[in-house]
Amino acid sequence: MTGPYLAILGATATMVGFIAGLGELFGYAFRLVSGPLSERTGQFWPITLFGYAMQMSAVPLLAWAPNWQTAGALIVAERMGRAIRNPPRDVMLSHAAKRIGLGRGFGLHEALDQLGAMGGPLVVAFVLVHRGNYRSAFAVLLVPAVLTLALLVVARVLYPKPQDLEVGHEKMETGGLPRVFWIYLAGAALVAAGFADFALITYHFQRASVIPNTWVPVFYSIAMGLSGLGSLTFGHLFDRVGLWILIPLTLITAAATPLLFLGGFWAAMLGAAVWGVGTGVHESMIPAAVATMVPAQRRPSAYGIFTAGYGVAWFLGSVIIGELYGISIWSVIAFSVATQILAVPIFVSVRKRALAT
């Protein structure tokens, strides 16, 4: 919604692209700040609450933005809020999930996230149909924003020290992050670089007339639904078999690109489903694995570095895939599939190192 809204407020296409790019840059750069900061201070809740408050207030305030400059600043602020709250939030989630299993905990988190990703756009679409303006659509998002912050305050009161939820106590670790973490980050970065953005996928659908425009939200809903279901299912398997599950899932999700870019309607629908499963893997199991290889005391910095590196790799891969699309679809498929397959031997190596320790 932000692109058309900025255009209505008078922003040029160049400024829309600049605002989106700046938001993504800050959205990953600030993770390198909030992660180490929460590690040094141990103030997980204050930093998380601050990030959520910034993010949750920025979106509804778009309804009252007087011009595109103000709206652009709010869009960037939303990404910054997400960056600030993510590393300490993931650390707290890793502590809480230890009792039920890291895969199951992160999988449940991703499933609920995707439930919102399905429901939120439908609510906004309903408002747009009946009220016909973006300001009303943004204003209605104040309701889930307030509920989110209220739930966070309740969680803060009930669980002031989430690190106490983790069974057992590890010895203090003050050295650098283990080598296996950096190897794993390299593999995850390859997966991220080869994973096509849905924006480019829908651009291809439009340009190649693969599906009618009215079906695009349906395909996205299918992807998000399977992302949530997949994260629950495969999260449970992750707890049972460990990192091994990432190897076949990486090979499976690599098939999404040829299905999406070469197939017709039904192949594209299958590709969207596989793409959704891949999204669930990216958002649940890949970060869950970090907690298995990094001491609890170093997780804030680890998650900050990991998510920032993962995001940068995704951004660079998206740029490359976009450029390759202008050359040929086959070059897009070759790059996407090759980079993801290259991650497999790295994951195998990480699994062997994990078994050795």
Protein backbone atom coordinates (compact mmCIF):
# COMPACT_ATOMS: atom_id res chain seq x y z
CA MET A 1 0.00 0.00 0.00
CA THR A 2 2.83 2.42 0.69
CA GLY A 3 3.87 2.81 -2.96
CA PRO A 4 0.45 3.94 -4.25
CA TYR A 5 -0.10 6.04 -1.11
CA LEU A 6 3.17 7.92 -1.61
CA ALA A 7 2.23 8.49 -5.24
CA ILE A 8 -1.12 9.96 -4.19
CA LEU A 9 0.72 12.31 -1.82
CA GLY A 10 2.89 13.51 -4.71
CA ALA A 11 6.09 11.47 -4.48
CA THR A 12 7.93 10.57 -7.69
CA ALA A 13 8.85 7.01 -8.62
CA THR A 14 12.48 7.83 -7.79
CA MET A 15 11.56 8.96 -4.29
CA VAL A 16 9.36 5.90 -3.73
CA GLY A 17 12.31 3.68 -4.61
CA PHE A 18 14.65 5.74 -2.44
CA ILE A 19 12.34 5.57 0.58
CA ALA A 20 11.86 1.82 0.18
CA GLY A 21 15.60 1.24 -0.18
CA LEU A 22 16.46 3.50 2.76
CA GLY A 23 13.92 1.70 4.91
CA GLU A 24 15.39 -1.70 4.08
CA LEU A 25 18.93 -0.40 4.69
CA PHE A 26 18.02 0.90 8.15
CA GLY A 27 15.90 -2.19 8.72
CA TYR A 28 19.00 -4.36 8.66
CA ALA A 29 21.75 -1.96 9.76
CA PHE A 30 20.13 -1.22 13.12
CA ARG A 31 20.10 -4.92 13.97
CA LEU A 32 23.86 -4.64 14.33
CA VAL A 33 23.22 -2.02 17.02
CA SER A 34 20.28 -3.45 18.97
CA GLY A 35 21.77 -6.96 19.17
CA PRO A 36 25.11 -6.06 20.81
CA LEU A 37 23.39 -3.34 22.89
CA SER A 38 20.96 -5.81 24.43
CA GLU A 39 23.85 -8.21 25.03
CA ARG A 40 25.93 -5.61 26.88
CA THR A 41 23.05 -4.21 28.93
CA GLY A 42 20.86 -7.29 29.35
CA GLN A 43 17.85 -5.01 28.84
CA PHE A 44 15.93 -7.22 26.42
CA TRP A 45 12.46 -5.96 27.29
CA PRO A 46 13.12 -2.18 27.16
CA ILE A 47 14.82 -2.43 23.75
CA THR A 48 12.15 -4.77 22.39
CA LEU A 49 9.30 -2.58 23.67
CA PHE A 50 10.93 0.54 22.23
CA GLY A 51 11.25 -1.11 18.81
CA TYR A 52 7.67 -2.37 18.84
CA ALA A 53 6.34 1.03 19.96
CA MET A 54 8.17 2.73 17.08
CA GLN A 55 6.93 0.19 14.54
CA MET A 56 3.36 -0.05 15.81
CA SER A 57 2.87 3.72 15.95
CA ALA A 58 4.45 4.49 12.57
CA VAL A 59 1.91 2.62 10.43
CA PRO A 60 -1.35 4.07 11.83
CA LEU A 61 0.21 7.57 11.83
CA LEU A 62 0.41 7.31 8.03
CA ALA A 63 -3.31 8.07 8.06
CA TRP A 64 -2.53 11.62 9.23
CA ALA A 65 0.61 12.26 7.18
CA PRO A 66 0.21 15.71 5.58
CA ASN A 67 2.70 15.08 2.75
CA TRP A 68 4.87 12.41 1.18
CA GLN A 69 7.96 13.52 3.11
CA THR A 70 6.25 12.79 6.43
CA ALA A 71 4.85 9.52 5.12
CA GLY A 72 8.32 8.54 3.89
CA ALA A 73 9.83 9.24 7.31
CA LEU A 74 7.16 7.07 8.96
CA ILE A 75 7.81 4.22 6.51
CA VAL A 76 11.52 4.34 7.33
CA ALA A 77 10.70 4.53 11.06
CA GLU A 78 8.60 1.37 10.75
CA ARG A 79 11.57 -0.54 9.34
CA MET A 80 13.87 0.87 12.01
CA GLY A 81 11.47 -0.24 14.73
CA ARG A 82 11.44 -3.74 13.30
CA ALA A 83 15.24 -3.77 13.24
CA ILE A 84 15.53 -2.58 16.84
CA ARG A 85 13.12 -5.13 18.30
CA ASN A 86 14.03 -8.25 16.29
CA PRO A 87 17.39 -9.38 17.80
CA PRO A 88 16.40 -9.08 21.51
CA ARG A 89 12.95 -10.51 20.70
CA ASP A 90 14.51 -13.55 19.03
CA VAL A 91 16.76 -14.05 22.04
CA MET A 92 13.77 -14.01 24.40
CA LEU A 93 11.94 -16.36 22.06
CA SER A 94 14.91 -18.74 22.08
CA HIS A 95 14.85 -18.83 25.90
CA ALA A 96 11.11 -19.50 26.01
CA ALA A 97 11.21 -22.07 23.21
CA LYS A 98 13.80 -24.21 24.97
CA ARG A 99 11.01 -25.76 27.03
CA ILE A 100 8.93 -26.87 24.06
CA GLY A 101 11.66 -27.16 21.42
CA LEU A 102 13.34 -24.45 19.37
CA GLY A 103 11.80 -25.61 16.12
CA ARG A 104 8.32 -25.78 17.60
CA GLY A 105 8.69 -22.40 19.33
CA PHE A 106 10.00 -20.51 16.32
CA GLY A 107 7.55 -22.39 14.10
CA LEU A 108 4.59 -21.32 16.23
CA HIS A 109 5.85 -17.74 16.13
CA GLU A 110 6.09 -17.85 12.34
CA ALA A 111 2.63 -19.45 12.01
CA LEU A 112 1.03 -16.65 14.04
CA ASP A 113 3.02 -14.09 12.06
CA GLN A 114 1.66 -15.48 8.81
CA LEU A 115 -1.85 -15.55 10.22
CA GLY A 116 -1.49 -11.79 10.60
CA ALA A 117 0.03 -11.57 7.14
CA MET A 118 -3.13 -13.15 5.76
CA GLY A 119 -5.69 -11.38 7.93
CA GLY A 120 -4.23 -7.87 7.93
CA PRO A 121 -4.33 -7.32 4.16
CA LEU A 122 -7.88 -8.70 4.01
CA VAL A 123 -9.01 -6.17 6.63
CA VAL A 124 -7.29 -3.36 4.75
CA ALA A 125 -8.82 -4.51 1.46
CA PHE A 126 -12.27 -4.53 3.08
CA VAL A 127 -11.78 -0.94 4.29
CA LEU A 128 -10.57 0.19 0.87
CA VAL A 129 -13.59 -1.35 -0.83
CA HIS A 130 -16.09 0.25 1.54
CA ARG A 131 -14.39 3.56 2.34
CA GLY A 132 -12.29 3.96 -0.79
CA ASN A 133 -9.32 5.76 0.74
CA TYR A 134 -5.93 4.86 2.14
CA ARG A 135 -6.15 7.08 5.22
CA SER A 136 -9.06 5.05 6.62
CA ALA A 137 -7.23 1.82 5.84
CA PHE A 138 -4.12 2.93 7.74
CA ALA A 139 -6.18 4.33 10.62
CA VAL A 140 -7.94 1.00 11.26
CA LEU A 141 -4.52 -0.60 11.85
CA LEU A 142 -4.36 1.36 15.10
CA VAL A 143 -6.51 -1.40 16.65
CA PRO A 144 -4.06 -4.32 16.18
CA ALA A 145 -1.19 -1.96 17.03
CA VAL A 146 -2.67 -1.12 20.43
CA LEU A 147 -3.50 -4.77 21.10
CA THR A 148 0.07 -5.77 20.22
CA LEU A 149 1.58 -3.28 22.64
CA ALA A 150 -0.90 -4.29 25.35
CA LEU A 151 0.06 -7.96 25.00
CA LEU A 152 3.74 -7.07 25.17
CA VAL A 153 3.22 -5.16 28.41
CA VAL A 154 1.39 -8.17 29.88
CA ALA A 155 4.23 -10.46 28.80
CA ARG A 156 6.76 -8.06 30.36
CA VAL A 157 4.90 -8.15 33.68
CA LEU A 158 4.49 -11.94 33.69
CA TYR A 159 8.01 -12.76 32.46
CA PRO A 160 10.39 -9.95 33.43
CA LYS A 161 13.45 -12.19 33.02
CA PRO A 162 12.89 -14.45 29.99
CA GLN A 163 16.39 -15.92 30.34
CA ASP A 164 15.13 -17.68 33.50
CA LEU A 165 12.72 -19.69 31.33
CA GLU A 166 15.59 -21.69 29.87
CA VAL A 167 16.23 -24.89 31.76
CA GLY A 168 19.77 -25.18 33.07
CA HIS A 169 22.56 -22.63 33.20
CA GLU A 170 25.41 -22.38 30.76
CA LYS A 171 28.85 -21.20 31.77
CA MET A 172 29.66 -17.62 30.88
CA GLU A 173 31.07 -17.15 27.40
CA THR A 174 32.81 -13.88 26.55
CA GLY A 175 34.87 -14.82 23.51
CA GLY A 176 34.03 -14.52 19.84
CA LEU A 177 31.21 -16.33 18.13
CA PRO A 178 31.99 -19.97 17.26
CA ARG A 179 33.31 -20.80 13.80
CA VAL A 180 30.30 -23.00 13.06
CA PHE A 181 28.08 -19.90 13.35
CA TRP A 182 29.97 -18.09 10.58
CA ILE A 183 29.90 -21.17 8.34
CA TYR A 184 26.17 -21.49 8.91
CA LEU A 185 25.67 -17.80 8.14
CA ALA A 186 27.43 -18.30 4.79
CA GLY A 187 25.03 -21.12 3.89
CA ALA A 188 21.99 -19.15 5.00
CA ALA A 189 23.19 -16.13 3.00
CA LEU A 190 23.36 -18.27 -0.16
CA VAL A 191 19.78 -19.46 0.42
CA ALA A 192 18.62 -15.88 0.94
CA ALA A 193 20.42 -14.60 -2.16
CA GLY A 194 18.76 -17.20 -4.36
CA PHE A 195 15.24 -16.73 -3.05
CA ALA A 196 13.21 -14.56 -5.46
CA ASP A 197 11.14 -11.71 -4.02
CA PHE A 198 7.39 -11.99 -4.44
CA ALA A 199 7.39 -8.50 -5.95
CA LEU A 200 9.49 -9.75 -8.87
CA ILE A 201 7.37 -12.89 -9.12
CA THR A 202 4.17 -10.86 -9.48
CA TYR A 203 5.95 -8.55 -11.92
CA HIS A 204 6.65 -11.62 -14.05
CA PHE A 205 3.04 -12.77 -13.71
CA GLN A 206 1.90 -9.38 -15.04
CA ARG A 207 4.44 -9.15 -17.84
CA ALA A 208 4.02 -12.73 -19.06
CA SER A 209 0.24 -12.85 -18.44
CA VAL A 210 0.64 -16.00 -16.37
CA ILE A 211 -2.38 -15.31 -14.15
CA PRO A 212 -5.11 -12.64 -14.02
CA ASN A 213 -4.28 -9.75 -11.66
CA THR A 214 -7.22 -10.63 -9.45
CA TRP A 215 -5.54 -13.94 -8.63
CA VAL A 216 -2.35 -12.36 -7.27
CA PRO A 217 -3.73 -11.90 -3.71
CA VAL A 218 -5.02 -15.48 -3.81
CA PHE A 219 -1.58 -16.81 -4.72
CA TYR A 220 -0.02 -14.72 -1.95
CA SER A 221 -2.56 -15.99 0.57
CA ILE A 222 -1.78 -19.57 -0.46
CA ALA A 223 1.92 -18.87 0.04
CA MET A 224 1.40 -17.31 3.46
CA GLY A 225 -0.96 -20.05 4.59
CA LEU A 226 1.51 -22.79 3.68
CA SER A 227 4.32 -20.75 5.22
CA GLY A 228 2.53 -20.89 8.56
CA LEU A 229 1.56 -24.55 8.29
CA GLY A 230 5.03 -25.49 7.06
CA SER A 231 6.76 -23.69 9.90
CA LEU A 232 4.68 -25.64 12.46
CA THR A 233 5.22 -28.99 10.77
CA PHE A 234 8.89 -28.65 9.94
CA GLY A 235 9.61 -26.93 13.25
CA HIS A 236 8.47 -30.10 15.00
CA LEU A 237 10.73 -32.16 12.71
CA PHE A 238 13.62 -29.81 13.44
CA ASP A 239 13.33 -30.62 17.13
CA ARG A 240 13.43 -34.34 16.34
CA VAL A 241 16.15 -34.58 13.68
CA GLY A 242 18.01 -31.28 14.02
CA LEU A 243 19.78 -29.40 11.23
CA TRP A 244 19.44 -32.33 8.84
CA ILE A 245 15.90 -31.23 7.93
CA LEU A 246 17.28 -28.06 6.30
CA ILE A 247 19.04 -30.10 3.61
CA PRO A 248 15.99 -31.66 1.86
CA LEU A 249 13.91 -28.53 2.46
CA THR A 250 16.52 -26.36 0.74
CA LEU A 251 16.46 -28.66 -2.29
CA ILE A 252 12.65 -28.63 -2.36
CA THR A 253 12.29 -24.86 -2.10
CA ALA A 254 14.86 -24.37 -4.86
CA ALA A 255 12.21 -25.82 -7.19
CA ALA A 256 9.95 -22.81 -6.62
CA THR A 257 11.75 -20.55 -9.08
CA PRO A 258 11.43 -22.74 -12.22
CA LEU A 259 7.79 -23.46 -11.37
CA LEU A 260 7.00 -19.76 -10.93
CA PHE A 261 8.92 -18.43 -13.92
CA LEU A 262 8.42 -21.20 -16.48
CA GLY A 263 5.00 -22.64 -15.74
CA GLY A 264 1.45 -21.66 -16.52
CA PHE A 265 -1.38 -21.07 -14.08
CA TRP A 266 -1.30 -24.36 -12.17
CA ALA A 267 2.48 -24.67 -12.15
CA ALA A 268 2.70 -21.11 -10.85
CA MET A 269 0.20 -21.94 -8.11
CA LEU A 270 2.33 -24.94 -7.10
CA GLY A 271 5.39 -22.69 -7.25
CA ALA A 272 3.70 -20.17 -4.95
CA ALA A 273 2.95 -22.97 -2.51
CA VAL A 274 6.59 -24.15 -2.54
CA TRP A 275 7.73 -20.52 -2.22
CA GLY A 276 5.51 -20.17 0.84
CA VAL A 277 7.01 -23.29 2.43
CA GLY A 278 10.45 -21.78 1.80
CA THR A 279 9.40 -18.56 3.51
CA GLY A 280 8.35 -20.54 6.57
CA VAL A 281 11.72 -22.30 6.63
CA HIS A 282 13.55 -18.97 6.36
CA GLU A 283 11.58 -17.33 9.15
CA SER A 284 11.45 -20.22 11.63
CA MET A 285 14.01 -23.00 11.34
CA ILE A 286 16.93 -21.02 9.96
CA PRO A 287 16.96 -18.57 12.90
CA ALA A 288 16.05 -21.34 15.38
CA ALA A 289 19.25 -23.16 14.46
CA VAL A 290 21.34 -20.18 15.59
CA ALA A 291 20.34 -20.83 19.21
CA THR A 292 21.73 -24.38 18.98
CA MET A 293 25.26 -23.26 18.09
CA VAL A 294 25.74 -20.05 20.09
CA PRO A 295 25.98 -19.74 23.90
CA ALA A 296 23.00 -18.01 25.51
CA GLN A 297 25.11 -15.02 26.57
CA ARG A 298 26.17 -14.34 22.98
CA ARG A 299 22.81 -14.80 21.28
CA PRO A 300 21.88 -11.08 21.13
CA SER A 301 24.96 -10.23 19.07
CA ALA A 302 24.62 -13.46 17.10
CA TYR A 303 21.03 -12.72 16.10
CA GLY A 304 21.89 -9.11 15.26
CA ILE A 305 24.76 -10.18 12.99
CA PHE A 306 22.88 -13.13 11.53
CA THR A 307 19.69 -11.27 10.57
CA ALA A 308 21.67 -8.31 9.22
CA GLY A 309 23.89 -10.56 7.08
CA TYR A 310 20.89 -12.59 5.96
CA GLY A 311 19.03 -9.42 4.95
CA VAL A 312 21.97 -7.95 3.06
CA ALA A 313 22.39 -11.23 1.15
CA TRP A 314 18.68 -11.21 0.30
CA PHE A 315 18.93 -7.61 -0.92
CA LEU A 316 22.00 -8.27 -3.08
CA GLY A 317 20.44 -11.43 -4.47
CA SER A 318 17.26 -9.54 -5.31
CA VAL A 319 19.25 -6.92 -7.21
CA ILE A 320 21.11 -9.62 -9.15
CA ILE A 321 17.92 -11.55 -9.93
CA GLY A 322 16.26 -8.34 -11.10
CA GLU A 323 19.15 -7.61 -13.43
CA LEU A 324 19.20 -11.17 -14.72
CA TYR A 325 15.46 -11.02 -15.45
CA GLY A 326 16.23 -8.31 -18.01
CA ILE A 327 18.63 -10.73 -19.71
CA SER A 328 16.66 -13.99 -19.67
CA ILE A 329 14.41 -16.05 -17.46
CA TRP A 330 16.80 -18.96 -17.72
CA SER A 331 19.58 -16.90 -16.13
CA VAL A 332 17.24 -16.10 -13.24
CA ILE A 333 16.49 -19.79 -12.72
CA ALA A 334 20.16 -20.79 -13.01
CA PHE A 335 21.28 -18.24 -10.42
CA SER A 336 18.41 -18.93 -8.02
CA VAL A 337 18.70 -22.71 -8.09
CA ALA A 338 22.52 -22.77 -8.08
CA THR A 339 22.95 -20.50 -5.07
CA GLN A 340 20.46 -22.47 -3.00
CA ILE A 341 21.99 -25.82 -3.95
CA LEU A 342 25.45 -24.46 -3.06
CA ALA A 343 24.16 -23.97 0.47
CA VAL A 344 23.47 -27.70 0.89
CA PRO A 345 27.10 -28.88 1.37
CA ILE A 346 27.58 -26.02 3.85
CA PHE A 347 24.58 -27.21 5.87
CA VAL A 348 26.00 -30.75 5.73
CA SER A 349 29.29 -29.44 7.11
CA VAL A 350 27.49 -27.54 9.86
CA ARG A 351 25.51 -30.64 10.81
CA LYS A 352 28.70 -32.71 11.05
CA ARG A 353 30.33 -30.08 13.25
CA ALA A 354 27.24 -29.99 15.45
CA LEU A 355 27.32 -33.78 15.85
CA ALA A 356 31.05 -33.65 16.63
CA THR A 357 30.45 -31.26 19.51
